[in-house]
Amino acid sequence: WDPDADAKLNALTDLLAQHRNEKVLVFSQFADTVRYLERELSARGVKHLAGVTGGAADPTALAHRFSPVSNRRRERVAPEDELRVLIATDVLSEGQNLQDAHIVVNYDLPWAIIRLIQRAGRVDRIGQQADTILCYTFLPAD
């Protein structure tokens, strides 16, 4: 497998470059995909990045590093520890305040379409400061 030839990964890299000064929440159905994206994006120079799956010891801790303001953790998260890009499975699609961001990427489509709404709902919440929520969805190849 050649990640340099991965069109979907390249498109995500370009999207993150477009939004280089903004927080971006990326969702995937699969833990393997989260780990792959974390590894490859890090190798491509994306900074302040983390991946979280159901196997994480404390997924909420990463949510707090990504969204310290909306979680009232600003004083506990040092600026150098704050995350700009968080890649997650649906372990973070419910019950998390992630509205420090206004950009959600669905890297792959979930089996239940309601998940798209739940994912967007992590940033489209009370306390959101952005006028517009951007949701990008990568469609499967033909």
C-alpha atoms as a PDB file:
ATOM      1  CA  TRP A   1       0.000   0.000   0.000  1.00  0.00           C
ATOM      2  CA  ASP A   2       1.393   3.375  -1.016  1.00  0.00           C
ATOM      3  CA  PRO A   3      -0.075   6.210   1.086  1.00  0.00           C
ATOM      4  CA  ASP A   4       1.284   8.746  -1.426  1.00  0.00           C
ATOM      5  CA  ALA A   5      -1.105   7.278  -4.012  1.00  0.00           C
ATOM      6  CA  ASP A   6      -4.084   7.290  -1.624  1.00  0.00           C
ATOM      7  CA  ALA A   7      -6.423   9.829  -3.278  1.00  0.00           C
ATOM      8  CA  LYS A   8      -8.688  10.046  -0.250  1.00  0.00           C
ATOM      9  CA  LEU A   9      -5.781  10.698   2.123  1.00  0.00           C
ATOM     10  CA  ASN A  10      -4.416  13.298  -0.298  1.00  0.00           C
ATOM     11  CA  ALA A  11      -7.809  15.022  -0.395  1.00  0.00           C
ATOM     12  CA  LEU A  12      -7.920  15.096   3.408  1.00  0.00           C
ATOM     13  CA  THR A  13      -4.392  16.521   3.511  1.00  0.00           C
ATOM     14  CA  ASP A  14      -5.479  19.267   1.090  1.00  0.00           C
ATOM     15  CA  LEU A  15      -8.612  19.980   3.128  1.00  0.00           C
ATOM     16  CA  LEU A  16      -6.580  20.330   6.318  1.00  0.00           C
ATOM     17  CA  ALA A  17      -4.208  22.691   4.501  1.00  0.00           C
ATOM     18  CA  GLN A  18      -7.206  24.803   3.417  1.00  0.00           C
ATOM     19  CA  HIS A  19      -8.270  25.055   7.054  1.00  0.00           C
ATOM     20  CA  ARG A  20      -4.757  25.223   8.519  1.00  0.00           C
ATOM     21  CA  ASN A  21      -5.672  27.777  11.178  1.00  0.00           C
ATOM     22  CA  GLU A  22      -8.902  26.084  12.257  1.00  0.00           C
ATOM     23  CA  LYS A  23      -9.781  23.073  14.347  1.00  0.00           C
ATOM     24  CA  VAL A  24     -10.992  20.079  12.370  1.00  0.00           C
ATOM     25  CA  LEU A  25     -12.814  17.023  13.717  1.00  0.00           C
ATOM     26  CA  VAL A  26     -12.429  13.942  11.493  1.00  0.00           C
ATOM     27  CA  PHE A  27     -14.645  10.888  11.992  1.00  0.00           C
ATOM     28  CA  SER A  28     -14.076   7.364  10.710  1.00  0.00           C
ATOM     29  CA  GLN A  29     -16.007   4.157  11.278  1.00  0.00           C
ATOM     30  CA  PHE A  30     -12.863   2.131  11.834  1.00  0.00           C
ATOM     31  CA  ALA A  31     -10.119   2.202  14.467  1.00  0.00           C
ATOM     32  CA  ASP A  32      -7.570   1.000  11.885  1.00  0.00           C
ATOM     33  CA  THR A  33      -8.419   4.000   9.707  1.00  0.00           C
ATOM     34  CA  VAL A  34      -8.023   6.383  12.639  1.00  0.00           C
ATOM     35  CA  ARG A  35      -4.554   4.978  13.366  1.00  0.00           C
ATOM     36  CA  TYR A  36      -3.608   5.099   9.661  1.00  0.00           C
ATOM     37  CA  LEU A  37      -4.715   8.728   9.290  1.00  0.00           C
ATOM     38  CA  GLU A  38      -2.968   9.760  12.490  1.00  0.00           C
ATOM     39  CA  ARG A  39       0.282   8.152  11.353  1.00  0.00           C
ATOM     40  CA  GLU A  40       0.187   9.436   7.767  1.00  0.00           C
ATOM     41  CA  LEU A  41      -0.976  12.975   8.540  1.00  0.00           C
ATOM     42  CA  SER A  42       1.681  13.270  11.219  1.00  0.00           C
ATOM     43  CA  ALA A  43       4.287  12.118   8.690  1.00  0.00           C
ATOM     44  CA  ARG A  44       2.998  14.833   6.328  1.00  0.00           C
ATOM     45  CA  GLY A  45       3.666  17.478   8.940  1.00  0.00           C
ATOM     46  CA  VAL A  46       0.208  18.015  10.424  1.00  0.00           C
ATOM     47  CA  LYS A  47       0.815  19.300  13.944  1.00  0.00           C
ATOM     48  CA  HIS A  48      -1.296  19.196  17.096  1.00  0.00           C
ATOM     49  CA  LEU A  49      -2.993  16.015  15.923  1.00  0.00           C
ATOM     50  CA  ALA A  50      -4.344  12.983  17.763  1.00  0.00           C
ATOM     51  CA  GLY A  51      -6.469   9.950  17.066  1.00  0.00           C
ATOM     52  CA  VAL A  52      -8.936   8.382  19.464  1.00  0.00           C
ATOM     53  CA  THR A  53     -10.808   5.092  19.321  1.00  0.00           C
ATOM     54  CA  GLY A  54     -12.828   3.005  21.721  1.00  0.00           C
ATOM     55  CA  GLY A  55      -9.569   1.387  22.806  1.00  0.00           C
ATOM     56  CA  ALA A  56      -8.253   4.638  24.266  1.00  0.00           C
ATOM     57  CA  ALA A  57      -7.801   4.748  28.026  1.00  0.00           C
ATOM     58  CA  ASP A  58      -9.532   8.139  28.295  1.00  0.00           C
ATOM     59  CA  PRO A  59     -11.229   9.437  25.114  1.00  0.00           C
ATOM     60  CA  THR A  60     -12.670  12.381  27.038  1.00  0.00           C
ATOM     61  CA  ALA A  61      -9.176  13.653  27.886  1.00  0.00           C
ATOM     62  CA  LEU A  62      -8.454  14.031  24.163  1.00  0.00           C
ATOM     63  CA  ALA A  63     -11.823  15.722  23.660  1.00  0.00           C
ATOM     64  CA  HIS A  64     -10.825  18.216  26.357  1.00  0.00           C
ATOM     65  CA  ARG A  65      -7.472  18.877  24.663  1.00  0.00           C
ATOM     66  CA  PHE A  66      -9.294  19.483  21.374  1.00  0.00           C
ATOM     67  CA  SER A  67     -12.051  21.620  22.843  1.00  0.00           C
ATOM     68  CA  PRO A  68     -10.876  23.092  26.153  1.00  0.00           C
ATOM     69  CA  VAL A  69     -13.063  26.215  26.022  1.00  0.00           C
ATOM     70  CA  SER A  70     -16.395  24.423  25.612  1.00  0.00           C
ATOM     71  CA  ASN A  71     -15.374  21.871  28.241  1.00  0.00           C
ATOM     72  CA  ARG A  72     -14.269  24.569  30.689  1.00  0.00           C
ATOM     73  CA  ARG A  73     -10.730  23.174  30.711  1.00  0.00           C
ATOM     74  CA  ARG A  74      -8.879  26.208  29.318  1.00  0.00           C
ATOM     75  CA  GLU A  75      -6.781  26.595  32.476  1.00  0.00           C
ATOM     76  CA  ARG A  76      -5.886  22.877  32.507  1.00  0.00           C
ATOM     77  CA  VAL A  77      -4.766  22.555  28.872  1.00  0.00           C
ATOM     78  CA  ALA A  78      -1.491  24.260  28.009  1.00  0.00           C
ATOM     79  CA  PRO A  79      -1.518  25.938  24.573  1.00  0.00           C
ATOM     80  CA  GLU A  80       1.218  23.592  23.319  1.00  0.00           C
ATOM     81  CA  ASP A  81      -0.927  20.570  24.316  1.00  0.00           C
ATOM     82  CA  GLU A  82      -4.102  21.774  22.596  1.00  0.00           C
ATOM     83  CA  LEU A  83      -5.140  19.748  19.556  1.00  0.00           C
ATOM     84  CA  ARG A  84      -6.032  21.280  16.187  1.00  0.00           C
ATOM     85  CA  VAL A  85      -7.008  18.040  14.428  1.00  0.00           C
ATOM     86  CA  LEU A  86      -8.810  15.211  16.192  1.00  0.00           C
ATOM     87  CA  ILE A  87      -9.463  11.971  14.327  1.00  0.00           C
ATOM     88  CA  ALA A  88     -11.995   9.741  16.049  1.00  0.00           C
ATOM     89  CA  THR A  89     -14.276   6.801  15.718  1.00  0.00           C
ATOM     90  CA  ASP A  90     -17.837   7.265  16.889  1.00  0.00           C
ATOM     91  CA  VAL A  91     -16.542   6.936  20.457  1.00  0.00           C
ATOM     92  CA  LEU A  92     -16.758  10.755  20.398  1.00  0.00           C
ATOM     93  CA  SER A  93     -19.962  11.082  18.362  1.00  0.00           C
ATOM     94  CA  GLU A  94     -22.232  11.264  21.409  1.00  0.00           C
ATOM     95  CA  GLY A  95     -22.121  13.177  24.667  1.00  0.00           C
ATOM     96  CA  GLN A  96     -19.035  15.295  23.957  1.00  0.00           C
ATOM     97  CA  ASN A  97     -18.684  19.065  23.760  1.00  0.00           C
ATOM     98  CA  LEU A  98     -16.418  19.723  20.782  1.00  0.00           C
ATOM     99  CA  GLN A  99     -17.786  23.100  19.700  1.00  0.00           C
ATOM    100  CA  ASP A 100     -14.391  24.840  19.827  1.00  0.00           C
ATOM    101  CA  ALA A 101     -14.365  23.572  16.217  1.00  0.00           C
ATOM    102  CA  HIS A 102     -16.854  24.244  13.445  1.00  0.00           C
ATOM    103  CA  ILE A 103     -15.516  21.791  10.850  1.00  0.00           C
ATOM    104  CA  VAL A 104     -16.487  18.111  10.764  1.00  0.00           C
ATOM    105  CA  VAL A 105     -15.156  15.627   8.225  1.00  0.00           C
ATOM    106  CA  ASN A 106     -16.849  12.275   7.649  1.00  0.00           C
ATOM    107  CA  TYR A 107     -13.913  10.342   6.226  1.00  0.00           C
ATOM    108  CA  ASP A 108     -16.163   7.387   5.552  1.00  0.00           C
ATOM    109  CA  LEU A 109     -19.895   6.923   5.675  1.00  0.00           C
ATOM    110  CA  PRO A 110     -21.373   5.227   8.734  1.00  0.00           C
ATOM    111  CA  TRP A 111     -23.814   2.336   8.400  1.00  0.00           C
ATOM    112  CA  ALA A 112     -26.521   4.306  10.192  1.00  0.00           C
ATOM    113  CA  ILE A 113     -27.065   7.677   8.559  1.00  0.00           C
ATOM    114  CA  ILE A 114     -28.171   9.165  11.912  1.00  0.00           C
ATOM    115  CA  ARG A 115     -24.474   9.044  12.852  1.00  0.00           C
ATOM    116  CA  LEU A 116     -23.828  11.920  10.429  1.00  0.00           C
ATOM    117  CA  ILE A 117     -26.234  14.041  12.444  1.00  0.00           C
ATOM    118  CA  GLN A 118     -24.708  12.921  15.746  1.00  0.00           C
ATOM    119  CA  ARG A 119     -21.210  13.717  14.487  1.00  0.00           C
ATOM    120  CA  ALA A 120     -22.195  17.225  13.371  1.00  0.00           C
ATOM    121  CA  GLY A 121     -23.993  17.628  16.677  1.00  0.00           C
ATOM    122  CA  ARG A 122     -20.659  17.526  18.514  1.00  0.00           C
ATOM    123  CA  VAL A 123     -19.841  20.987  17.149  1.00  0.00           C
ATOM    124  CA  ASP A 124     -23.334  22.351  16.411  1.00  0.00           C
ATOM    125  CA  ARG A 125     -24.217  22.920  20.057  1.00  0.00           C
ATOM    126  CA  ILE A 126     -24.973  25.659  22.544  1.00  0.00           C
ATOM    127  CA  GLY A 127     -21.813  27.687  22.905  1.00  0.00           C
ATOM    128  CA  GLN A 128     -20.743  27.414  19.258  1.00  0.00           C
ATOM    129  CA  GLN A 129     -19.255  30.766  18.226  1.00  0.00           C
ATOM    130  CA  ALA A 130     -19.086  30.205  14.448  1.00  0.00           C
ATOM    131  CA  ASP A 131     -21.922  31.382  12.231  1.00  0.00           C
ATOM    132  CA  THR A 132     -21.524  28.361   9.961  1.00  0.00           C
ATOM    133  CA  ILE A 133     -20.783  24.692  10.601  1.00  0.00           C
ATOM    134  CA  LEU A 134     -18.869  23.045   7.756  1.00  0.00           C
ATOM    135  CA  CYS A 135     -19.478  19.328   7.222  1.00  0.00           C
ATOM    136  CA  TYR A 136     -17.438  17.503   4.607  1.00  0.00           C
ATOM    137  CA  THR A 137     -18.238  13.926   3.630  1.00  0.00           C
ATOM    138  CA  PHE A 138     -15.936  11.753   1.580  1.00  0.00           C
ATOM    139  CA  LEU A 139     -18.008   9.512  -0.655  1.00  0.00           C
ATOM    140  CA  PRO A 140     -16.873   6.017  -1.600  1.00  0.00           C
ATOM    141  CA  ALA A 141     -15.248   5.497  -4.982  1.00  0.00           C
ATOM    142  CA  ASP A 142     -17.455   4.174  -7.776  1.00  0.00           C
END
